[in-house]
Protein backbone atom coordinates (compact mmCIF):
# COMPACT_ATOMS: atom_id res chain seq x y z
CA UNK A 1 221.84 107.81 79.74
CA UNK A 2 224.83 109.20 81.66
CA UNK A 3 226.53 105.85 82.26
CA UNK A 4 227.92 103.35 79.79
CA UNK A 5 230.11 100.25 79.69
CA UNK A 6 233.78 100.84 78.92
CA UNK A 7 235.16 98.63 76.16
CA UNK A 8 237.63 97.19 76.84
CA UNK A 9 237.09 97.60 80.57
CA UNK A 10 240.23 98.48 82.55
CA UNK A 11 241.13 96.30 85.52
CA UNK A 12 239.47 97.51 88.72
CA UNK A 13 242.85 97.93 90.45
CA UNK A 14 244.80 99.20 87.42
CA UNK A 15 245.63 102.73 86.36
CA UNK A 16 243.90 103.87 83.19
CA UNK A 17 243.89 106.97 81.00
CA UNK A 18 240.73 109.06 80.55
CA UNK A 19 240.14 112.01 78.26
CA UNK A 20 236.96 114.00 78.92
CA UNK A 21 236.03 116.39 76.14
CA UNK A 22 233.43 119.06 76.94
CA UNK A 23 232.70 120.87 73.73
CA UNK A 24 229.69 122.65 72.27
CA UNK A 25 226.58 120.73 73.41
CA UNK A 26 228.25 117.38 74.18
CA UNK A 27 230.50 115.60 76.66
CA UNK A 28 232.62 112.75 75.24
CA UNK A 29 234.69 110.33 77.31
CA UNK A 30 237.60 108.37 75.82
CA UNK A 31 239.33 105.58 77.81
CA UNK A 32 242.89 104.29 77.30
CA UNK A 33 243.51 106.31 74.11
CA UNK A 34 240.54 104.79 72.28
CA UNK A 35 239.66 106.57 69.06
CA UNK A 36 235.94 106.01 69.75
CA UNK A 37 234.32 107.51 72.86
CA UNK A 38 232.93 105.18 75.53
CA UNK A 39 230.31 107.77 76.42
CA UNK A 40 228.66 110.63 74.52
CA UNK A 41 225.95 112.68 76.23
CA UNK A 42 224.36 116.05 75.71
CA UNK A 43 225.35 118.58 78.37
CA UNK A 44 222.73 119.20 81.06
CA UNK A 45 223.38 122.94 81.36
CA UNK A 46 224.74 125.75 79.26
CA UNK A 47 227.72 126.61 81.46
CA UNK A 48 230.61 128.11 79.50
CA UNK A 49 233.06 128.47 82.41
CA UNK A 50 233.43 127.56 86.06
CA UNK A 51 234.65 124.72 88.22
CA UNK A 52 234.80 120.99 87.59
CA UNK A 53 234.44 118.10 90.03
CA UNK A 54 235.31 114.41 90.05
CA UNK A 55 233.24 111.70 91.71
CA UNK A 56 235.37 108.63 92.43
CA UNK A 57 232.83 106.26 93.96
CA UNK A 58 231.70 105.11 97.35
CA UNK A 59 234.45 104.32 99.86
CA UNK A 60 237.19 105.22 97.35
CA UNK A 61 239.99 107.62 98.19
CA UNK A 62 240.40 108.39 94.49
CA UNK A 63 243.89 108.68 93.04
CA UNK A 64 244.88 110.86 90.12
CA UNK A 65 248.19 111.19 88.31
CA UNK A 66 249.22 113.69 85.65
CA UNK A 67 245.87 115.49 85.74
CA UNK A 68 245.67 118.17 83.05
CA UNK A 69 242.78 120.56 82.53
CA UNK A 70 242.94 122.48 79.27
CA UNK A 71 240.78 125.41 78.33
CA UNK A 72 239.83 126.00 74.72
CA UNK A 73 239.09 129.68 75.43
C-alpha cells in the first residue's frame, strides 16, 4: 500500500527529482516532473505540523541536493 513502482524508473546511480505533496488526507509522490503521481496514499495520522524524516535505504549514505521544504500554512 505504501510502496509502488516508479514509471519510468530512474537509474539506480542517477540523480532524480522528487516532489512529495502532503495535503489534506493524502500524500502524493511525483518523480522526475511527472504530471501523474507514482504514489498516492492516505495519511496514517492527522498531524498538521511537526518534523519530517527521510529514509534512504539500507547501507546508503543518502545524498540530497537542492532540498526545499515549503509550508502551505
